[in-house]
Amino acid sequence: MSTESGISRRSMLVKIGLLLNGIVGAALAVPLVRYLLSPVIREKKVGYESWLPLGGLEQFPAGQTRLATYRNPVVSAWDGETADIACWVRNVDGQTFQVFAVNCAHLGCPVRWFPQSNLFMCPCHGGAYYQDGSRASGPPERGLFQYHYKIEGRKLFIKAGEMPTPGRAANGLGSTKREGATCA
């Protein structure tokens, strides 16, 4: 069956089907291409690698571990309270600090500090960490993640724009560096 112009109904429907499939394919390809190219075209936000204050040194007495919070430097307007990030600050000897991420190294559940036993405990799967952040028991395969820190003008600062990860783990007690010791 052909029409007067020489185009059959079947070929016309095939061409329309191909056109519509091409449009849908292009619409689905845009987010995929953007995802694949995002590391190349993405700009780092201002404050990504900034040093953020946790408070004065007097807030963290020697030999104690305290909970501190800071505001995420890469915050969006709609983040609200979720932009406030908690961390554990341990003052080892008045001069040396350890700043731990509040998340368990196993699945990211928030750990709590128990001063009676000098342990960080994870409520999710029973992970336990010693006061220096090293693994004590349970499913976590490594110690707590640590932030780099520095002391300026009697204030404690952490480098918080980058999240601590396994490649930059630290337990730091063997080092006397003031900028937060790291080891792999």
Protein backbone atom coordinates (compact mmCIF):
# COMPACT_ATOMS: atom_id res chain seq x y z
CA MET A 1 0.00 0.00 0.00
CA SER A 2 1.63 3.18 -1.06
CA THR A 3 0.28 6.67 -1.17
CA GLU A 4 0.51 9.03 -4.05
CA SER A 5 3.76 10.53 -2.73
CA GLY A 6 5.43 7.11 -2.63
CA ILE A 7 5.70 6.78 1.18
CA SER A 8 3.92 3.82 2.71
CA ARG A 9 2.11 3.98 6.02
CA ARG A 10 4.53 1.45 7.48
CA SER A 11 7.65 3.43 6.56
CA MET A 12 6.06 6.63 7.88
CA LEU A 13 5.28 5.00 11.24
CA VAL A 14 8.81 3.55 11.39
CA LYS A 15 10.30 7.01 10.82
CA ILE A 16 8.03 8.59 13.46
CA GLY A 17 8.94 5.78 15.89
CA LEU A 18 12.66 6.30 15.26
CA LEU A 19 12.29 10.06 15.73
CA LEU A 20 10.45 9.64 19.05
CA ASN A 21 12.96 7.04 20.27
CA GLY A 22 15.79 9.40 19.32
CA ILE A 23 14.21 12.23 21.32
CA VAL A 24 13.74 9.99 24.38
CA GLY A 25 17.31 8.65 24.02
CA ALA A 26 18.71 12.19 23.85
CA ALA A 27 16.67 13.24 26.89
CA LEU A 28 18.04 10.27 28.86
CA ALA A 29 21.59 10.85 27.63
CA VAL A 30 21.85 14.44 28.92
CA PRO A 31 21.97 13.55 32.64
CA LEU A 32 24.28 10.60 31.97
CA VAL A 33 26.74 12.74 30.01
CA ARG A 34 26.58 15.46 32.65
CA TYR A 35 27.28 12.87 35.37
CA LEU A 36 30.27 11.48 33.47
CA LEU A 37 31.72 14.94 32.79
CA SER A 38 30.99 16.45 36.23
CA PRO A 39 34.48 15.85 37.67
CA VAL A 40 35.94 17.75 34.74
CA ILE A 41 33.55 20.72 34.63
CA ARG A 42 32.63 21.00 38.30
CA GLU A 43 34.06 23.91 40.23
CA LYS A 44 35.01 23.58 43.88
CA LYS A 45 32.83 25.77 46.04
CA VAL A 46 34.36 28.55 48.04
CA GLY A 47 35.34 27.26 51.46
CA TYR A 48 35.90 23.69 50.32
CA GLU A 49 39.40 23.56 51.78
CA SER A 50 38.95 26.11 54.54
CA TRP A 51 40.00 25.89 58.16
CA LEU A 52 37.01 26.13 60.49
CA PRO A 53 37.15 27.05 64.19
CA LEU A 54 35.89 24.54 66.74
CA GLY A 55 36.39 26.84 69.71
CA GLY A 56 38.95 28.06 72.17
CA LEU A 57 41.46 25.66 73.68
CA GLU A 58 39.86 26.17 77.11
CA GLN A 59 36.75 24.34 75.83
CA PHE A 60 38.79 21.15 75.48
CA PRO A 61 40.49 20.32 78.81
CA ALA A 62 43.63 18.18 78.74
CA GLY A 63 42.97 14.47 78.98
CA GLN A 64 39.28 14.78 78.01
CA THR A 65 37.22 14.10 74.92
CA ARG A 66 34.43 16.54 74.05
CA LEU A 67 31.78 16.80 71.36
CA ALA A 68 32.09 19.85 69.11
CA THR A 69 30.16 21.02 66.06
CA TYR A 70 31.02 23.11 63.03
CA ARG A 71 29.05 24.45 60.09
CA ASN A 72 29.70 22.66 56.79
CA PRO A 73 31.64 25.11 54.58
CA VAL A 74 29.98 23.74 51.44
CA VAL A 75 26.45 24.43 52.65
CA SER A 76 23.38 25.15 50.55
CA ALA A 77 20.51 27.33 51.70
CA TRP A 78 18.14 24.37 52.08
CA ASP A 79 20.52 22.26 54.22
CA GLY A 80 19.21 23.71 57.49
CA GLU A 81 20.29 21.84 60.63
CA THR A 82 21.92 19.07 58.61
CA ALA A 83 24.76 21.48 57.77
CA ASP A 84 25.88 21.39 61.43
CA ILE A 85 28.40 18.55 61.66
CA ALA A 86 29.52 16.99 64.92
CA CYS A 87 33.03 15.75 65.70
CA TRP A 88 34.86 14.43 68.75
CA VAL A 89 37.83 16.45 70.03
CA ARG A 90 40.38 14.72 72.26
CA ASN A 91 42.95 16.84 74.03
CA VAL A 92 45.76 14.36 74.60
CA ASP A 93 48.17 16.43 76.69
CA GLY A 94 47.25 20.10 76.41
CA GLN A 95 49.26 20.57 73.20
CA THR A 96 48.31 17.58 71.04
CA PHE A 97 44.77 17.07 69.80
CA GLN A 98 42.89 14.43 67.91
CA VAL A 99 39.71 15.38 66.06
CA PHE A 100 37.58 12.41 65.05
CA ALA A 101 34.67 12.25 62.66
CA VAL A 102 31.55 11.25 64.55
CA ASN A 103 30.85 8.42 62.08
CA CYS A 104 31.78 4.78 62.58
CA ALA A 105 34.23 3.46 59.99
CA HIS A 106 31.96 0.44 59.37
CA LEU A 107 28.67 1.87 58.10
CA GLY A 108 28.77 5.50 59.22
CA CYS A 109 26.54 5.33 62.29
CA PRO A 110 27.29 8.05 64.86
CA VAL A 111 29.61 6.85 67.62
CA ARG A 112 29.28 7.94 71.25
CA TRP A 113 32.03 8.56 73.76
CA PHE A 114 31.84 6.72 77.07
CA PRO A 115 34.33 8.30 79.51
CA GLN A 116 33.77 5.54 82.10
CA SER A 117 35.36 2.96 79.81
CA ASN A 118 37.41 5.33 77.64
CA LEU A 119 35.77 3.90 74.53
CA PHE A 120 33.87 5.16 71.52
CA MET A 121 30.92 2.83 70.91
CA CYS A 122 28.84 2.39 67.77
CA PRO A 123 25.19 1.52 68.47
CA CYS A 124 24.54 -0.10 65.08
CA HIS A 125 26.73 -3.21 65.09
CA GLY A 126 28.69 -3.01 68.32
CA GLY A 127 31.88 -1.47 66.97
CA ALA A 128 34.23 -0.16 69.65
CA TYR A 129 37.21 2.18 69.42
CA TYR A 130 39.88 3.09 71.94
CA GLN A 131 40.25 6.68 73.09
CA ASP A 132 42.96 7.27 70.44
CA GLY A 133 40.47 6.30 67.71
CA SER A 134 42.03 2.93 66.91
CA ARG A 135 39.78 -0.10 66.47
CA ALA A 136 39.06 -2.06 69.65
CA SER A 137 36.50 -4.65 68.50
CA GLY A 138 33.50 -5.29 66.31
CA PRO A 139 32.98 -5.18 62.57
CA PRO A 140 34.89 -1.98 61.70
CA GLU A 141 38.16 -2.89 59.98
CA ARG A 142 39.94 0.34 60.90
CA GLY A 143 39.96 3.18 63.40
CA LEU A 144 37.91 6.36 63.37
CA PHE A 145 38.52 8.92 60.65
CA GLN A 146 40.45 12.00 61.76
CA TYR A 147 40.45 15.60 60.64
CA HIS A 148 43.62 17.63 60.19
CA TYR A 149 43.86 20.35 62.82
CA LYS A 150 45.90 23.40 63.69
CA ILE A 151 46.07 25.82 66.61
CA GLU A 152 46.10 29.55 65.98
CA GLY A 153 45.62 32.23 68.59
CA ARG A 154 44.43 29.86 71.33
CA LYS A 155 41.74 28.45 68.99
CA LEU A 156 41.44 24.98 67.51
CA PHE A 157 40.78 24.81 63.76
CA ILE A 158 40.04 21.80 61.56
CA LYS A 159 40.27 21.37 57.81
CA ALA A 160 36.68 20.36 57.32
CA GLY A 161 35.89 20.90 53.64
CA GLU A 162 37.23 17.51 52.73
CA MET A 163 35.75 14.52 54.49
CA PRO A 164 38.20 12.17 56.18
CA THR A 165 38.50 8.92 54.24
CA PRO A 166 40.35 5.61 54.61
CA GLY A 167 43.20 6.78 52.36
CA ARG A 168 43.95 9.59 54.82
CA ALA A 169 43.39 7.81 58.09
CA ALA A 170 45.24 8.92 61.17
CA ASN A 171 45.84 7.80 64.69
CA GLY A 172 48.63 10.33 65.16
CA LEU A 173 49.80 9.67 68.71
CA GLY A 174 53.29 8.75 67.58
CA SER A 175 53.74 12.12 65.93
CA THR A 176 54.27 15.49 67.50
CA LYS A 177 53.10 17.51 64.51
CA ARG A 178 50.65 20.23 65.41
CA GLU A 179 48.74 19.93 62.13
CA GLY A 180 47.15 16.56 62.91
CA ALA A 181 49.33 13.58 62.12
CA THR A 182 48.24 11.09 59.49
CA CYS A 183 49.21 7.58 58.55
CA ALA A 184 47.73 5.06 56.14
